[in-house]
PDB file of N, CA and C in Angstrom:
ATOM      1  N   MET A   1     119.392 119.835 109.871  1.00  0.00           N
ATOM      2  CA  MET A   1     119.495 119.477 108.467  1.00  0.00           C
ATOM      3  C   MET A   1     119.119 118.010 108.294  1.00  0.00           C
ATOM      4  N   GLU A   2     118.396 117.734 107.243  1.00  0.00           N
ATOM      5  CA  GLU A   2     117.938 116.379 106.949  1.00  0.00           C
ATOM      6  C   GLU A   2     119.126 115.485 106.594  1.00  0.00           C
ATOM      7  N   ASN A   3     119.065 114.224 107.014  1.00  0.00           N
ATOM      8  CA  ASN A   3     120.117 113.263 106.695  1.00  0.00           C
ATOM      9  C   ASN A   3     119.965 112.848 105.233  1.00  0.00           C
ATOM     10  N   LEU A   4     120.905 113.252 104.398  1.00  0.00           N
ATOM     11  CA  LEU A   4     120.802 113.011 102.959  1.00  0.00           C
ATOM     12  C   LEU A   4     121.274 111.624 102.534  1.00  0.00           C
ATOM     13  N   ILE A   5     121.852 110.862 103.460  1.00  0.00           N
ATOM     14  CA  ILE A   5     122.292 109.513 103.097  1.00  0.00           C
ATOM     15  C   ILE A   5     121.510 108.452 103.868  1.00  0.00           C
ATOM     16  N   GLN A   6     120.335 108.798 104.312  1.00  0.00           N
ATOM     17  CA  GLN A   6     119.485 107.878 105.057  1.00  0.00           C
ATOM     18  C   GLN A   6     119.174 106.624 104.227  1.00  0.00           C
ATOM     19  N   TYR A   7     119.099 106.741 102.925  1.00  0.00           N
ATOM     20  CA  TYR A   7     118.785 105.613 102.059  1.00  0.00           C
ATOM     21  C   TYR A   7     119.884 104.555 102.055  1.00  0.00           C
ATOM     22  N   LEU A   8     121.055 104.843 102.614  1.00  0.00           N
ATOM     23  CA  LEU A   8     122.156 103.881 102.671  1.00  0.00           C
ATOM     24  C   LEU A   8     122.112 103.018 103.935  1.00  0.00           C
ATOM     25  N   ASP A   9     121.075 103.155 104.732  1.00  0.00           N
ATOM     26  CA  ASP A   9     120.936 102.389 105.968  1.00  0.00           C
ATOM     27  C   ASP A   9     120.943 100.890 105.680  1.00  0.00           C
ATOM     28  N   ASP A  10     121.782 100.136 106.409  1.00  0.00           N
ATOM     29  CA  ASP A  10     121.892  98.689 106.210  1.00  0.00           C
ATOM     30  C   ASP A  10     120.587  97.952 106.499  1.00  0.00           C
ATOM     31  N   ALA A  11     119.729  98.523 107.313  1.00  0.00           N
ATOM     32  CA  ALA A  11     118.453  97.888 107.629  1.00  0.00           C
ATOM     33  C   ALA A  11     117.536  97.811 106.405  1.00  0.00           C
ATOM     34  N   LEU A  12     117.804  98.635 105.387  1.00  0.00           N
ATOM     35  CA  LEU A  12     116.979  98.649 104.184  1.00  0.00           C
ATOM     36  C   LEU A  12     117.431  97.636 103.131  1.00  0.00           C
ATOM     37  N   VAL A  13     118.560  96.967 103.344  1.00  0.00           N
ATOM     38  CA  VAL A  13     119.114  96.051 102.340  1.00  0.00           C
ATOM     39  C   VAL A  13     118.130  94.939 101.952  1.00  0.00           C
ATOM     40  N   PRO A  14     117.449  94.264 102.893  1.00  0.00           N
ATOM     41  CA  PRO A  14     116.497  93.223 102.475  1.00  0.00           C
ATOM     42  C   PRO A  14     115.373  93.778 101.585  1.00  0.00           C
ATOM     43  N   LEU A  15     114.878  94.953 101.919  1.00  0.00           N
ATOM     44  CA  LEU A  15     113.839  95.589 101.093  1.00  0.00           C
ATOM     45  C   LEU A  15     114.401  95.915  99.715  1.00  0.00           C
ATOM     46  N   GLU A  16     115.599  96.454  99.673  1.00  0.00           N
ATOM     47  CA  GLU A  16     116.218  96.803  98.391  1.00  0.00           C
ATOM     48  C   GLU A  16     116.371  95.573  97.504  1.00  0.00           C
ATOM     49  N   LYS A  17     116.792  94.461  98.082  1.00  0.00           N
ATOM     50  CA  LYS A  17     116.960  93.229  97.305  1.00  0.00           C
ATOM     51  C   LYS A  17     115.625  92.750  96.741  1.00  0.00           C
ATOM     52  N   LYS A  18     114.563  92.837  97.543  1.00  0.00           N
ATOM     53  CA  LYS A  18     113.225  92.435  97.073  1.00  0.00           C
ATOM     54  C   LYS A  18     112.765  93.338  95.940  1.00  0.00           C
ATOM     55  N   VAL A  19     112.993  94.639  96.074  1.00  0.00           N
ATOM     56  CA  VAL A  19     112.564  95.580  95.038  1.00  0.00           C
ATOM     57  C   VAL A  19     113.331  95.325  93.740  1.00  0.00           C
ATOM     58  N   ILE A  20     114.622  95.065  93.835  1.00  0.00           N
ATOM     59  CA  ILE A  20     115.420  94.765  92.638  1.00  0.00           C
ATOM     60  C   ILE A  20     114.918  93.484  91.983  1.00  0.00           C
ATOM     61  N   GLU A  21     114.646  92.461  92.790  1.00  0.00           N
ATOM     62  CA  GLU A  21     114.120  91.201  92.246  1.00  0.00           C
ATOM     63  C   GLU A  21     112.770  91.440  91.577  1.00  0.00           C
ATOM     64  N   TYR A  22     111.925  92.250  92.202  1.00  0.00           N
ATOM     65  CA  TYR A  22     110.610  92.595  91.653  1.00  0.00           C
ATOM     66  C   TYR A  22     110.748  93.291  90.294  1.00  0.00           C
ATOM     67  N   LEU A  23     111.618  94.290  90.231  1.00  0.00           N
ATOM     68  CA  LEU A  23     111.802  95.033  88.985  1.00  0.00           C
ATOM     69  C   LEU A  23     112.359  94.146  87.879  1.00  0.00           C
ATOM     70  N   ASN A  24     113.308  93.273  88.211  1.00  0.00           N
ATOM     71  CA  ASN A  24     113.877  92.367  87.213  1.00  0.00           C
ATOM     72  C   ASN A  24     112.831  91.382  86.698  1.00  0.00           C
ATOM     73  N   LEU A  25     112.025  90.839  87.596  1.00  0.00           N
ATOM     74  CA  LEU A  25     110.981  89.896  87.181  1.00  0.00           C
ATOM     75  C   LEU A  25     109.931  90.606  86.336  1.00  0.00           C
ATOM     76  N   GLU A  26     109.568  91.809  86.722  1.00  0.00           N
ATOM     77  CA  GLU A  26     108.599  92.590  85.943  1.00  0.00           C
ATOM     78  C   GLU A  26     109.119  92.822  84.524  1.00  0.00           C
ATOM     79  N   LYS A  27     110.395  93.136  84.401  1.00  0.00           N
ATOM     80  CA  LYS A  27     111.012  93.342  83.078  1.00  0.00           C
ATOM     81  C   LYS A  27     111.019  92.039  82.277  1.00  0.00           C
ATOM     82  N   ASP A  28     111.345  90.933  82.924  1.00  0.00           N
ATOM     83  CA  ASP A  28     111.359  89.633  82.244  1.00  0.00           C
ATOM     84  C   ASP A  28     109.971  89.249  81.741  1.00  0.00           C
ATOM     85  N   ILE A  29     108.950  89.515  82.543  1.00  0.00           N
ATOM     86  CA  ILE A  29     107.582  89.207  82.131  1.00  0.00           C
ATOM     87  C   ILE A  29     107.202  90.021  80.908  1.00  0.00           C
ATOM     88  N   ARG A  30     107.494  91.314  80.941  1.00  0.00           N
ATOM     89  CA  ARG A  30     107.177  92.162  79.777  1.00  0.00           C
ATOM     90  C   ARG A  30     107.883  91.666  78.524  1.00  0.00           C
ATOM     91  N   LYS A  31     109.155  91.286  78.679  1.00  0.00           N
ATOM     92  CA  LYS A  31     109.922  90.802  77.535  1.00  0.00           C
ATOM     93  C   LYS A  31     109.319  89.503  76.993  1.00  0.00           C
ATOM     94  N   GLN A  32     108.945  88.605  77.873  1.00  0.00           N
ATOM     95  CA  GLN A  32     108.345  87.338  77.437  1.00  0.00           C
ATOM     96  C   GLN A  32     107.003  87.571  76.743  1.00  0.00           C
ATOM     97  N   GLU A  33     106.205  88.498  77.259  1.00  0.00           N
ATOM     98  CA  GLU A  33     104.918  88.802  76.625  1.00  0.00           C
ATOM     99  C   GLU A  33     105.114  89.347  75.218  1.00  0.00           C
ATOM    100  N   VAL A  34     106.092  90.225  75.058  1.00  0.00           N
ATOM    101  CA  VAL A  34     106.389  90.776  73.727  1.00  0.00           C
ATOM    102  C   VAL A  34     106.886  89.666  72.802  1.00  0.00           C
ATOM    103  N   ASP A  35     107.775  88.806  73.302  1.00  0.00           N
ATOM    104  CA  ASP A  35     108.283  87.703  72.488  1.00  0.00           C
ATOM    105  C   ASP A  35     107.166  86.769  72.048  1.00  0.00           C
ATOM    106  N   MET A  36     106.241  86.472  72.958  1.00  0.00           N
ATOM    107  CA  MET A  36     105.126  85.586  72.619  1.00  0.00           C
ATOM    108  C   MET A  36     104.239  86.218  71.548  1.00  0.00           C
ATOM    109  N   LEU A  37     103.965  87.512  71.703  1.00  0.00           N
ATOM    110  CA  LEU A  37     103.131  88.200  70.713  1.00  0.00           C
ATOM    111  C   LEU A  37     103.841  88.282  69.361  1.00  0.00           C
ATOM    112  N   THR A  38     105.141  88.491  69.382  1.00  0.00           N
ATOM    113  CA  THR A  38     105.907  88.591  68.144  1.00  0.00           C
ATOM    114  C   THR A  38     105.901  87.264  67.399  1.00  0.00           C
ATOM    115  N   LYS A  39     106.062  86.183  68.114  1.00  0.00           N
ATOM    116  CA  LYS A  39     106.078  84.871  67.470  1.00  0.00           C
ATOM    117  C   LYS A  39     104.726  84.500  66.891  1.00  0.00           C
ATOM    118  N   LYS A  40     103.651  85.017  67.457  1.00  0.00           N
ATOM    119  CA  LYS A  40     102.311  84.664  66.999  1.00  0.00           C
ATOM    120  C   LYS A  40     101.765  85.642  65.972  1.00  0.00           C
ATOM    121  N   GLY A  41     102.426  86.740  65.788  1.00  0.00           N
ATOM    122  CA  GLY A  41     101.836  87.801  64.989  1.00  0.00           C
ATOM    123  C   GLY A  41     102.395  87.934  63.592  1.00  0.00           C
ATOM    124  N   PRO A  42     102.159  89.087  62.985  1.00  0.00           N
ATOM    125  CA  PRO A  42     102.558  89.339  61.598  1.00  0.00           C
ATOM    126  C   PRO A  42     104.071  89.372  61.403  1.00  0.00           C
ATOM    127  N   VAL A  43     104.830  89.616  62.469  1.00  0.00           N
ATOM    128  CA  VAL A  43     106.286  89.642  62.325  1.00  0.00           C
ATOM    129  C   VAL A  43     106.790  88.258  61.927  1.00  0.00           C
ATOM    130  N   GLU A  44     106.205  87.221  62.517  1.00  0.00           N
ATOM    131  CA  GLU A  44     106.599  85.850  62.179  1.00  0.00           C
ATOM    132  C   GLU A  44     106.255  85.540  60.721  1.00  0.00           C
ATOM    133  N   GLU A  45     105.082  85.963  60.289  1.00  0.00           N
ATOM    134  CA  GLU A  45     104.683  85.736  58.902  1.00  0.00           C
ATOM    135  C   GLU A  45     105.627  86.443  57.939  1.00  0.00           C
ATOM    136  N   ALA A  46     105.997  87.673  58.274  1.00  0.00           N
ATOM    137  CA  ALA A  46     106.915  88.421  57.420  1.00  0.00           C
ATOM    138  C   ALA A  46     108.271  87.730  57.367  1.00  0.00           C
ATOM    139  N   ALA A  47     108.719  87.196  58.491  1.00  0.00           N
ATOM    140  CA  ALA A  47     110.007  86.509  58.529  1.00  0.00           C
ATOM    141  C   ALA A  47     109.982  85.249  57.671  1.00  0.00           C
ATOM    142  N   LYS A  48     108.844  84.559  57.635  1.00  0.00           N
ATOM    143  CA  LYS A  48     108.730  83.344  56.810  1.00  0.00           C
ATOM    144  C   LYS A  48     108.796  83.684  55.326  1.00  0.00           C
ATOM    145  N   ASN A  49     108.279  84.836  54.953  1.00  0.00           N
ATOM    146  CA  ASN A  49     108.191  85.211  53.548  1.00  0.00           C
ATOM    147  C   ASN A  49     109.410  85.971  53.042  1.00  0.00           C
ATOM    148  N   THR A  50     110.374  86.226  53.894  1.00  0.00           N
ATOM    149  CA  THR A  50     111.583  86.927  53.476  1.00  0.00           C
ATOM    150  C   THR A  50     112.795  86.174  54.005  1.00  0.00           C
ATOM    151  N   ALA A  51     113.943  86.719  53.765  1.00  0.00           N
ATOM    152  CA  ALA A  51     115.174  86.099  54.251  1.00  0.00           C
ATOM    153  C   ALA A  51     115.428  86.434  55.714  1.00  0.00           C
ATOM    154  N   THR A  52     114.573  87.251  56.303  1.00  0.00           N
ATOM    155  CA  THR A  52     114.744  87.661  57.692  1.00  0.00           C
ATOM    156  C   THR A  52     114.420  86.498  58.616  1.00  0.00           C
ATOM    157  N   THR A  53     115.201  86.358  59.658  1.00  0.00           N
ATOM    158  CA  THR A  53     114.891  85.346  60.664  1.00  0.00           C
ATOM    159  C   THR A  53     114.651  86.042  61.991  1.00  0.00           C
ATOM    160  N   LEU A  54     113.761  85.454  62.758  1.00  0.00           N
ATOM    161  CA  LEU A  54     113.493  85.998  64.076  1.00  0.00           C
ATOM    162  C   LEU A  54     114.626  85.633  65.009  1.00  0.00           C
ATOM    163  N   GLN A  55     114.920  86.528  65.902  1.00  0.00           N
ATOM    164  CA  GLN A  55     115.935  86.246  66.912  1.00  0.00           C
ATOM    165  C   GLN A  55     115.448  85.072  67.747  1.00  0.00           C
ATOM    166  N   GLU A  56     116.342  84.123  67.972  1.00  0.00           N
ATOM    167  CA  GLU A  56     115.977  82.959  68.770  1.00  0.00           C
ATOM    168  C   GLU A  56     115.756  83.372  70.213  1.00  0.00           C
ATOM    169  N   VAL A  57     114.584  83.078  70.725  1.00  0.00           N
ATOM    170  CA  VAL A  57     114.276  83.323  72.122  1.00  0.00           C
ATOM    171  C   VAL A  57     113.781  82.019  72.719  1.00  0.00           C
ATOM    172  N   PRO A  58     114.090  81.775  73.972  1.00  0.00           N
ATOM    173  CA  PRO A  58     113.624  80.531  74.557  1.00  0.00           C
ATOM    174  C   PRO A  58     112.098  80.497  74.598  1.00  0.00           C
ATOM    175  N   ASP A  59     111.543  79.367  74.209  1.00  0.00           N
ATOM    176  CA  ASP A  59     110.094  79.229  74.259  1.00  0.00           C
ATOM    177  C   ASP A  59     109.653  79.117  75.705  1.00  0.00           C
ATOM    178  N   ILE A  60     108.603  79.822  76.017  1.00  0.00           N
ATOM    179  CA  ILE A  60     108.050  79.777  77.358  1.00  0.00           C
ATOM    180  C   ILE A  60     106.560  79.522  77.218  1.00  0.00           C
ATOM    181  N   SER A  61     106.052  78.650  78.030  1.00  0.00           N
ATOM    182  CA  SER A  61     104.639  78.307  77.929  1.00  0.00           C
ATOM    183  C   SER A  61     103.799  79.344  78.672  1.00  0.00           C
ATOM    184  N   GLU A  62     102.520  79.305  78.379  1.00  0.00           N
ATOM    185  CA  GLU A  62     101.585  80.199  79.060  1.00  0.00           C
ATOM    186  C   GLU A  62     101.567  79.893  80.554  1.00  0.00           C
ATOM    187  N   ASP A  63     101.722  78.619  80.913  1.00  0.00           N
ATOM    188  CA  ASP A  63     101.761  78.233  82.331  1.00  0.00           C
ATOM    189  C   ASP A  63     102.987  78.826  83.029  1.00  0.00           C
ATOM    190  N   GLN A  64     104.136  78.782  82.352  1.00  0.00           N
ATOM    191  CA  GLN A  64     105.347  79.350  82.937  1.00  0.00           C
ATOM    192  C   GLN A  64     105.213  80.858  83.118  1.00  0.00           C
ATOM    193  N   LEU A  65     104.595  81.501  82.140  1.00  0.00           N
ATOM    194  CA  LEU A  65     104.368  82.943  82.244  1.00  0.00           C
ATOM    195  C   LEU A  65     103.424  83.250  83.406  1.00  0.00           C
ATOM    196  N   GLN A  66     102.405  82.416  83.572  1.00  0.00           N
ATOM    197  CA  GLN A  66     101.480  82.608  84.690  1.00  0.00           C
ATOM    198  C   GLN A  66     102.198  82.418  86.019  1.00  0.00           C
ATOM    199  N   GLU A  67     103.116  81.469  86.109  1.00  0.00           N
ATOM    200  CA  GLU A  67     103.907  81.270  87.328  1.00  0.00           C
ATOM    201  C   GLU A  67     104.764  82.504  87.623  1.00  0.00           C
ATOM    202  N   MET A  68     105.317  83.112  86.573  1.00  0.00           N
ATOM    203  CA  MET A  68     106.104  84.326  86.749  1.00  0.00           C
ATOM    204  C   MET A  68     105.233  85.451  87.287  1.00  0.00           C
ATOM    205  N   ARG A  69     104.016  85.566  86.772  1.00  0.00           N
ATOM    206  CA  ARG A  69     103.090  86.608  87.241  1.00  0.00           C
ATOM    207  C   ARG A  69     102.708  86.375  88.701  1.00  0.00           C
ATOM    208  N   GLN A  70     102.509  85.109  89.072  1.00  0.00           N
ATOM    209  CA  GLN A  70     102.183  84.793  90.470  1.00  0.00           C
ATOM    210  C   GLN A  70     103.358  85.134  91.377  1.00  0.00           C
ATOM    211  N   ARG A  71     104.578  84.841  90.927  1.00  0.00           N
ATOM    212  CA  ARG A  71     105.763  85.181  91.711  1.00  0.00           C
ATOM    213  C   ARG A  71     105.874  86.699  91.880  1.00  0.00           C
ATOM    214  N   LEU A  72     105.513  87.438  90.835  1.00  0.00           N
ATOM    215  CA  LEU A  72     105.536  88.900  90.906  1.00  0.00           C
ATOM    216  C   LEU A  72     104.555  89.394  91.972  1.00  0.00           C
ATOM    217  N   GLU A  73     103.371  88.805  92.020  1.00  0.00           N
ATOM    218  CA  GLU A  73     102.387  89.190  93.033  1.00  0.00           C
ATOM    219  C   GLU A  73     102.871  88.839  94.440  1.00  0.00           C
ATOM    220  N   THR A  74     103.550  87.696  94.567  1.00  0.00           N
ATOM    221  CA  THR A  74     104.105  87.306  95.856  1.00  0.00           C
ATOM    222  C   THR A  74     105.166  88.311  96.302  1.00  0.00           C
ATOM    223  N   LEU A  75     106.049  88.687  95.377  1.00  0.00           N
ATOM    224  CA  LEU A  75     107.078  89.681  95.695  1.00  0.00           C
ATOM    225  C   LEU A  75     106.445  91.015  96.082  1.00  0.00           C
ATOM    226  N   ARG A  76     105.412  91.392  95.365  1.00  0.00           N
ATOM    227  CA  ARG A  76     104.706  92.648  95.656  1.00  0.00           C
ATOM    228  C   ARG A  76     104.177  92.628  97.086  1.00  0.00           C
ATOM    229  N   ALA A  77     103.545  91.524  97.472  1.00  0.00           N
ATOM    230  CA  ALA A  77     103.004  91.400  98.825  1.00  0.00           C
ATOM    231  C   ALA A  77     104.123  91.430  99.871  1.00  0.00           C
ATOM    232  N   GLU A  78     105.246  90.791  99.568  1.00  0.00           N
ATOM    233  CA  GLU A  78     106.378  90.791 100.497  1.00  0.00           C
ATOM    234  C   GLU A  78     106.954  92.196 100.671  1.00  0.00           C
ATOM    235  N   ILE A  79     107.039  92.935  99.571  1.00  0.00           N
ATOM    236  CA  ILE A  79     107.550  94.309  99.636  1.00  0.00           C
ATOM    237  C   ILE A  79     106.613  95.180 100.465  1.00  0.00           C
ATOM    238  N   VAL A  80     105.313  95.056 100.213  1.00  0.00           N
ATOM    239  CA  VAL A  80     104.328  95.841 100.961  1.00  0.00           C
ATOM    240  C   VAL A  80     104.444  95.544 102.459  1.00  0.00           C
ATOM    241  N   ALA A  81     104.642  94.275 102.798  1.00  0.00           N
ATOM    242  CA  ALA A  81     104.761  93.896 104.210  1.00  0.00           C
ATOM    243  C   ALA A  81     106.029  94.474 104.842  1.00  0.00           C
ATOM    244  N   MET A  82     107.055  94.714 104.048  1.00  0.00           N
ATOM    245  CA  MET A  82     108.318  95.240 104.563  1.00  0.00           C
ATOM    246  C   MET A  82     108.315  96.759 104.720  1.00  0.00           C
ATOM    247  N   LEU A  83     107.390  97.425 104.056  1.00  0.00           N
ATOM    248  CA  LEU A  83     107.347  98.895 104.124  1.00  0.00           C
ATOM    249  C   LEU A  83     106.818  99.345 105.484  1.00  0.00           C
ATOM    250  N   PRO A  84     107.441 100.376 106.066  1.00  0.00           N
ATOM    251  CA  PRO A  84     107.021 100.829 107.395  1.00  0.00           C
ATOM    252  C   PRO A  84     105.661 101.531 107.401  1.00  0.00           C
ATOM    253  N   GLU A  85     105.289 102.181 106.298  1.00  0.00           N
ATOM    254  CA  GLU A  85     104.025 102.925 106.249  1.00  0.00           C
ATOM    255  C   GLU A  85     103.410 102.811 104.865  1.00  0.00           C
ATOM    256  N   LYS A  86     102.086 102.991 104.826  1.00  0.00           N
ATOM    257  CA  LYS A  86     101.392 103.082 103.547  1.00  0.00           C
ATOM    258  C   LYS A  86     101.277 104.551 103.165  1.00  0.00           C
ATOM    259  N   ASP A  87     101.042 104.781 101.886  1.00  0.00           N
ATOM    260  CA  ASP A  87     100.819 106.133 101.356  1.00  0.00           C
ATOM    261  C   ASP A  87     101.987 107.073 101.604  1.00  0.00           C
ATOM    262  N   LYS A  88     103.202 106.513 101.618  1.00  0.00           N
ATOM    263  CA  LYS A  88     104.390 107.338 101.796  1.00  0.00           C
ATOM    264  C   LYS A  88     105.575 106.646 101.119  1.00  0.00           C
ATOM    265  N   PHE A  89     106.395 107.432 100.431  1.00  0.00           N
ATOM    266  CA  PHE A  89     107.612 106.899  99.832  1.00  0.00           C
ATOM    267  C   PHE A  89     108.707 106.793 100.890  1.00  0.00           C
ATOM    268  N   ILE A  90     109.548 105.778 100.754  1.00  0.00           N
ATOM    269  CA  ILE A  90     110.781 105.733 101.520  1.00  0.00           C
ATOM    270  C   ILE A  90     111.929 105.603 100.526  1.00  0.00           C
ATOM    271  N   GLU A  91     113.050 106.160 100.896  1.00  0.00           N
ATOM    272  CA  GLU A  91     114.209 106.116 100.014  1.00  0.00           C
ATOM    273  C   GLU A  91     114.982 104.829 100.232  1.00  0.00           C
ATOM    274  N   VAL A  92     115.370 104.206  99.111  1.00  0.00           N
ATOM    275  CA  VAL A  92     116.179 102.991  99.133  1.00  0.00           C
ATOM    276  C   VAL A  92     117.303 103.146  98.125  1.00  0.00           C
ATOM    277  N   ASN A  93     118.304 102.299  98.238  1.00  0.00           N
ATOM    278  CA  ASN A  93     119.430 102.322  97.311  1.00  0.00           C
ATOM    279  C   ASN A  93     119.314 101.119  96.380  1.00  0.00           C
ATOM    280  N   LEU A  94     118.979 101.369  95.131  1.00  0.00           N
ATOM    281  CA  LEU A  94     118.853 100.291  94.149  1.00  0.00           C
ATOM    282  C   LEU A  94     120.109 100.163  93.301  1.00  0.00           C
ATOM    283  N   GLY A  95     121.195 100.750  93.775  1.00  0.00           N
ATOM    284  CA  GLY A  95     122.477 100.583  93.113  1.00  0.00           C
ATOM    285  C   GLY A  95     122.968 101.790  92.345  1.00  0.00           C
ATOM    286  N   TYR A  96     122.141 102.801  92.201  1.00  0.00           N
ATOM    287  CA  TYR A  96     122.560 103.972  91.423  1.00  0.00           C
ATOM    288  C   TYR A  96     122.036 105.252  92.058  1.00  0.00           C
ATOM    289  N   GLY A  97     122.157 105.316  93.377  1.00  0.00           N
ATOM    290  CA  GLY A  97     121.713 106.508  94.086  1.00  0.00           C
ATOM    291  C   GLY A  97     120.347 106.306  94.687  1.00  0.00           C
ATOM    292  N   PRO A  98     119.817 107.337  95.324  1.00  0.00           N
ATOM    293  CA  PRO A  98     118.532 107.171  96.013  1.00  0.00           C
ATOM    294  C   PRO A  98     117.378 106.933  95.041  1.00  0.00           C
ATOM    295  N   SER A  99     116.583 105.944  95.362  1.00  0.00           N
ATOM    296  CA  SER A  99     115.340 105.646  94.660  1.00  0.00           C
ATOM    297  C   SER A  99     114.245 105.655  95.716  1.00  0.00           C
ATOM    298  N   MET A 100     113.000 105.577  95.298  1.00  0.00           N
ATOM    299  CA  MET A 100     111.901 105.592  96.252  1.00  0.00           C
ATOM    300  C   MET A 100     110.949 104.449  95.970  1.00  0.00           C
ATOM    301  N   VAL A 101     110.390 103.904  97.033  1.00  0.00           N
ATOM    302  CA  VAL A 101     109.382 102.856  96.917  1.00  0.00           C
ATOM    303  C   VAL A 101     108.279 103.160  97.924  1.00  0.00           C
ATOM    304  N   GLY A 102     107.048 102.893  97.515  1.00  0.00           N
ATOM    305  CA  GLY A 102     105.915 103.127  98.402  1.00  0.00           C
ATOM    306  C   GLY A 102     104.698 102.358  97.941  1.00  0.00           C
ATOM    307  N   TYR A 103     103.784 102.129  98.874  1.00  0.00           N
ATOM    308  CA  TYR A 103     102.532 101.433  98.618  1.00  0.00           C
ATOM    309  C   TYR A 103     101.409 102.413  98.884  1.00  0.00           C
ATOM    310  N   PHE A 104     100.594 102.666  97.875  1.00  0.00           N
ATOM    311  CA  PHE A 104      99.608 103.726  97.989  1.00  0.00           C
ATOM    312  C   PHE A 104      98.189 103.196  97.861  1.00  0.00           C
ATOM    313  N   THR A 105      97.339 103.629  98.798  1.00  0.00           N
ATOM    314  CA  THR A 105      95.935 103.227  98.801  1.00  0.00           C
ATOM    315  C   THR A 105      95.015 104.400  98.467  1.00  0.00           C
ATOM    316  N   THR A 106      95.579 105.615  98.480  1.00  0.00           N
ATOM    317  CA  THR A 106      94.799 106.804  98.137  1.00  0.00           C
ATOM    318  C   THR A 106      95.549 107.628  97.099  1.00  0.00           C
ATOM    319  N   ASP A 107      94.804 108.328  96.293  1.00  0.00           N
ATOM    320  CA  ASP A 107      95.384 109.222  95.294  1.00  0.00           C
ATOM    321  C   ASP A 107      95.959 110.429  96.030  1.00  0.00           C
ATOM    322  N   HIS A 108      97.224 110.763  95.753  1.00  0.00           N
ATOM    323  CA  HIS A 108      97.872 111.850  96.489  1.00  0.00           C
ATOM    324  C   HIS A 108      97.325 113.234  96.136  1.00  0.00           C
ATOM    325  N   GLU A 109      96.666 113.364  94.998  1.00  0.00           N
ATOM    326  CA  GLU A 109      96.119 114.665  94.614  1.00  0.00           C
ATOM    327  C   GLU A 109      94.689 114.858  95.105  1.00  0.00           C
ATOM    328  N   THR A 110      93.847 113.844  94.915  1.00  0.00           N
ATOM    329  CA  THR A 110      92.433 113.981  95.280  1.00  0.00           C
ATOM    330  C   THR A 110      92.130 113.431  96.667  1.00  0.00           C
ATOM    331  N   HIS A 111      93.051 112.670  97.226  1.00  0.00           N
ATOM    332  CA  HIS A 111      92.886 112.034  98.537  1.00  0.00           C
ATOM    333  C   HIS A 111      91.707 111.063  98.567  1.00  0.00           C
ATOM    334  N   GLN A 112      91.339 110.563  97.386  1.00  0.00           N
ATOM    335  CA  GLN A 112      90.282 109.563  97.273  1.00  0.00           C
ATOM    336  C   GLN A 112      90.911 108.172  97.274  1.00  0.00           C
ATOM    337  N   PRO A 113      90.209 107.175  97.820  1.00  0.00           N
ATOM    338  CA  PRO A 113      90.749 105.812  97.790  1.00  0.00           C
ATOM    339  C   PRO A 113      90.902 105.322  96.348  1.00  0.00           C
ATOM    340  N   LEU A 114      92.000 104.634  96.095  1.00  0.00           N
ATOM    341  CA  LEU A 114      92.223 104.055  94.772  1.00  0.00           C
ATOM    342  C   LEU A 114      91.411 102.775  94.640  1.00  0.00           C
ATOM    343  N   PRO A 115      90.941 102.450  93.429  1.00  0.00           N
ATOM    344  CA  PRO A 115      90.170 101.216  93.250  1.00  0.00           C
ATOM    345  C   PRO A 115      90.997  99.978  93.612  1.00  0.00           C
ATOM    346  N   GLU A 116      92.288 100.062  93.360  1.00  0.00           N
ATOM    347  CA  GLU A 116      93.218  98.982  93.699  1.00  0.00           C
ATOM    348  C   GLU A 116      94.506  99.611  94.194  1.00  0.00           C
ATOM    349  N   PRO A 117      94.965  99.244  95.388  1.00  0.00           N
ATOM    350  CA  PRO A 117      96.240  99.801  95.882  1.00  0.00           C
ATOM    351  C   PRO A 117      97.382  99.469  94.922  1.00  0.00           C
ATOM    352  N   ILE A 118      98.360 100.383  94.840  1.00  0.00           N
ATOM    353  CA  ILE A 118      99.451 100.183  93.904  1.00  0.00           C
ATOM    354  C   ILE A 118     100.807 100.343  94.601  1.00  0.00           C
ATOM    355  N   LEU A 119     101.763  99.597  94.080  1.00  0.00           N
ATOM    356  CA  LEU A 119     103.147  99.696  94.520  1.00  0.00           C
ATOM    357  C   LEU A 119     103.851 100.587  93.506  1.00  0.00           C
ATOM    358  N   ARG A 120     104.506 101.631  94.005  1.00  0.00           N
ATOM    359  CA  ARG A 120     105.221 102.547  93.107  1.00  0.00           C
ATOM    360  C   ARG A 120     106.704 102.487  93.430  1.00  0.00           C
ATOM    361  N   VAL A 121     107.499 102.368  92.378  1.00  0.00           N
ATOM    362  CA  VAL A 121     108.953 102.385  92.511  1.00  0.00           C
ATOM    363  C   VAL A 121     109.465 103.469  91.582  1.00  0.00           C
ATOM    364  N   VAL A 122     110.148 104.447  92.141  1.00  0.00           N
ATOM    365  CA  VAL A 122     110.724 105.544  91.359  1.00  0.00           C
ATOM    366  C   VAL A 122     112.219 105.354  91.377  1.00  0.00           C
ATOM    367  N   HIS A 123     112.780 105.081  90.202  1.00  0.00           N
ATOM    368  CA  HIS A 123     114.223 104.839  90.111  1.00  0.00           C
ATOM    369  C   HIS A 123     114.805 105.436  88.868  1.00  0.00           C
TER     370      HIS A 123
END
């Protein structure tokens, strides 16, 4: 019988921490991009013309956002280096049961090389 709690292995903790940091940074980047677009777009104009005020969000420069994107790429490379194999998921514990992470260079259906390898996290 397959070991169903293999994802709880203590050896996976450093990988799990990197994946959590990666996911949190990815979420922060998306949020900052939306905030930047909202401040520059029609929502800001509508807020000026009505009693509505925009929620205060910390201003972030384009340079800071670019630094966040570079950090995300660094984390991605670190995660890929920590994975035991390419083109295969491994189970990790991201805090709410088994999740999977893998680095894929080929499409699993067509078995053709992908134009750009991708990191997949299923949680």
